[in-house]
Structures are given as C-alpha cells and as structure tokens.
Amino acid sequence: MENPGILNWRGWSVVRKAQVVGAAAGALITISMSLVVNAYNGGAFAFLLLWLEWEIFSPAAVICRLFGWEWQGPSGPSWVQTTLAALTNALLLSLVGTLTGWFLRLVNPQNQTPVR
C-alpha cells in the first residue's frame, strides 16, 4: 500500500525537494561537525573548527537559554543538546529550502509541478 505520489521524487515540486534537501543537510552538518571537532585534536584549524561548531550550535543554545536550561557541560554538548541542535538546524535549513524553492519557481515558472 504505497502512495506513489509521496515516494516518486519526480512528482514532487521544487519547493518540497528543496525542503527535504535543506532539512537533511541541516541534520547531517550538525552531527558531522560535532564528530569532526571531537576527532580533530588541535592543530592549525582548531580555532576555525571551534568557531564553526559554535555557529552551528548557537540556534540550539538560544533555545536552551529561553527555557532556562544550562547549555554545555564540561565535556561539550550532551546528546540531548546535539539532537536539539540537529532538529533546530534541520528546521532552519528547511525554511531556507522553502525560500529557495519559491525563488526557483518565480525564476522558472515552467518547472512547476501541479498540486494533486
């Protein structure tokens, strides 16, 4: 009992494709950046990597502060904080994908898939 409209990427609109790509990229970048910083032990790019990690985790840190939660422990973000950061970044990049998809629809109106 598969719904071919959901599973068939060719039938998806540009906006929906951009949302899925943005959400997947947000989650993967968040998880992989945490792993890269933990695996990379000092060196020439340590400051750059730590700055990028802070930029990636800062939206989740703002959410933690809004709820009164303590952000990082002594050993870095916990798995709950990393999950919150991955979900937050997935949502934010999904919104960026939505805006990108809408822009692509405006630029190329022939690329629109009719809504069923």
Protein backbone atom coordinates (compact mmCIF):
# COMPACT_ATOMS: atom_id res chain seq x y z
CA MET A 1 0.00 0.00 0.00
CA GLU A 2 2.42 2.63 -1.18
CA ASN A 3 1.41 6.09 -2.16
CA PRO A 4 3.25 6.74 -5.44
CA GLY A 5 2.75 10.49 -5.07
CA ILE A 6 4.92 10.57 -1.94
CA LEU A 7 7.60 8.11 -2.98
CA ASN A 8 8.08 9.42 -6.52
CA TRP A 9 10.61 12.28 -6.42
CA ARG A 10 9.78 13.24 -10.00
CA GLY A 11 6.29 14.22 -8.96
CA TRP A 12 7.48 16.48 -6.16
CA SER A 13 7.53 20.23 -6.56
CA VAL A 14 10.79 22.16 -6.46
CA VAL A 15 9.81 23.62 -3.08
CA ARG A 16 9.30 20.21 -1.49
CA LYS A 17 12.60 18.90 -2.88
CA ALA A 18 14.42 21.95 -1.53
CA GLN A 19 12.80 21.47 1.89
CA VAL A 20 13.92 17.84 2.10
CA VAL A 21 17.45 18.65 0.96
CA GLY A 22 17.69 21.56 3.42
CA ALA A 23 16.44 19.51 6.37
CA ALA A 24 18.78 16.62 5.59
CA ALA A 25 21.73 18.99 5.16
CA GLY A 26 20.97 20.73 8.46
CA ALA A 27 20.88 17.50 10.40
CA LEU A 28 23.94 15.99 8.71
CA ILE A 29 26.07 19.12 9.08
CA THR A 30 25.22 19.38 12.77
CA ILE A 31 26.02 15.76 13.57
CA SER A 32 29.14 15.63 11.38
CA MET A 33 30.55 18.89 12.76
CA SER A 34 30.32 17.55 16.29
CA LEU A 35 32.14 14.38 15.22
CA VAL A 36 34.83 16.31 13.30
CA VAL A 37 35.60 18.58 16.25
CA ASN A 38 35.86 15.57 18.57
CA ALA A 39 38.12 13.69 16.14
CA TYR A 40 40.35 16.68 15.31
CA ASN A 41 42.66 17.16 18.27
CA GLY A 42 44.28 20.59 17.97
CA GLY A 43 46.33 21.82 15.07
CA ALA A 44 46.22 24.72 12.66
CA PHE A 45 42.47 24.71 12.06
CA ALA A 46 41.33 24.12 15.65
CA PHE A 47 40.11 27.69 16.18
CA LEU A 48 38.23 27.71 12.87
CA LEU A 49 36.57 24.38 13.68
CA LEU A 50 35.54 25.54 17.15
CA TRP A 51 34.12 28.75 15.70
CA LEU A 52 32.16 26.78 13.08
CA GLU A 53 30.88 24.45 15.78
CA TRP A 54 29.67 27.40 17.83
CA GLU A 55 27.93 28.90 14.78
CA ILE A 56 26.19 25.60 14.12
CA PHE A 57 25.14 25.06 17.74
CA SER A 58 24.19 28.68 18.53
CA PRO A 59 20.48 28.42 17.50
CA ALA A 60 20.05 25.48 19.88
CA ALA A 61 21.91 27.38 22.60
CA VAL A 62 19.45 30.26 22.24
CA ILE A 63 16.55 27.82 22.64
CA CYS A 64 18.18 26.33 25.75
CA ARG A 65 18.59 29.80 27.27
CA LEU A 66 14.93 30.61 26.55
CA PHE A 67 13.86 27.55 28.55
CA GLY A 68 16.42 28.19 31.30
CA TRP A 69 18.48 25.09 30.55
CA GLU A 70 22.23 25.03 31.02
CA TRP A 71 23.94 24.79 27.65
CA GLN A 72 27.24 22.90 27.51
CA GLY A 73 28.62 20.73 30.25
CA PRO A 74 32.37 20.40 30.86
CA SER A 75 32.78 17.79 28.11
CA GLY A 76 30.82 19.61 25.38
CA PRO A 77 27.19 19.34 24.33
CA SER A 78 25.24 16.32 25.54
CA TRP A 79 23.32 14.05 23.19
CA VAL A 80 20.10 15.89 24.06
CA GLN A 81 21.68 19.21 23.12
CA THR A 82 23.13 17.74 19.93
CA THR A 83 19.70 16.34 19.00
CA LEU A 84 18.09 19.70 19.72
CA ALA A 85 20.73 21.40 17.56
CA ALA A 86 20.20 18.92 14.71
CA LEU A 87 16.42 19.42 14.79
CA THR A 88 16.76 23.20 15.01
CA ASN A 89 19.21 23.36 12.11
CA ALA A 90 17.09 20.96 10.07
CA LEU A 91 14.08 23.23 10.59
CA LEU A 92 16.04 26.39 9.77
CA LEU A 93 17.58 24.95 6.62
CA SER A 94 14.19 23.56 5.61
CA LEU A 95 12.89 27.13 5.78
CA VAL A 96 15.85 28.26 3.68
CA GLY A 97 14.98 25.48 1.23
CA THR A 98 11.39 26.71 1.11
CA LEU A 99 12.51 30.22 0.24
CA THR A 100 14.95 28.86 -2.35
CA GLY A 101 12.22 26.69 -3.91
CA TRP A 102 9.83 29.63 -4.08
CA PHE A 103 12.54 31.73 -5.71
CA LEU A 104 13.24 28.97 -8.25
CA ARG A 105 9.52 28.79 -9.04
CA LEU A 106 9.47 32.53 -9.68
CA VAL A 107 12.55 32.39 -11.89
CA ASN A 108 11.48 29.33 -13.90
CA PRO A 109 7.66 29.03 -13.98
CA GLN A 110 7.85 26.07 -16.39
CA ASN A 111 9.41 23.96 -13.62
CA GLN A 112 6.24 23.91 -11.55
CA THR A 113 4.62 20.60 -10.76
CA PRO A 114 0.83 20.76 -10.44
CA VAL A 115 -0.58 20.08 -7.00
CA ARG A 116 -2.63 16.89 -6.86
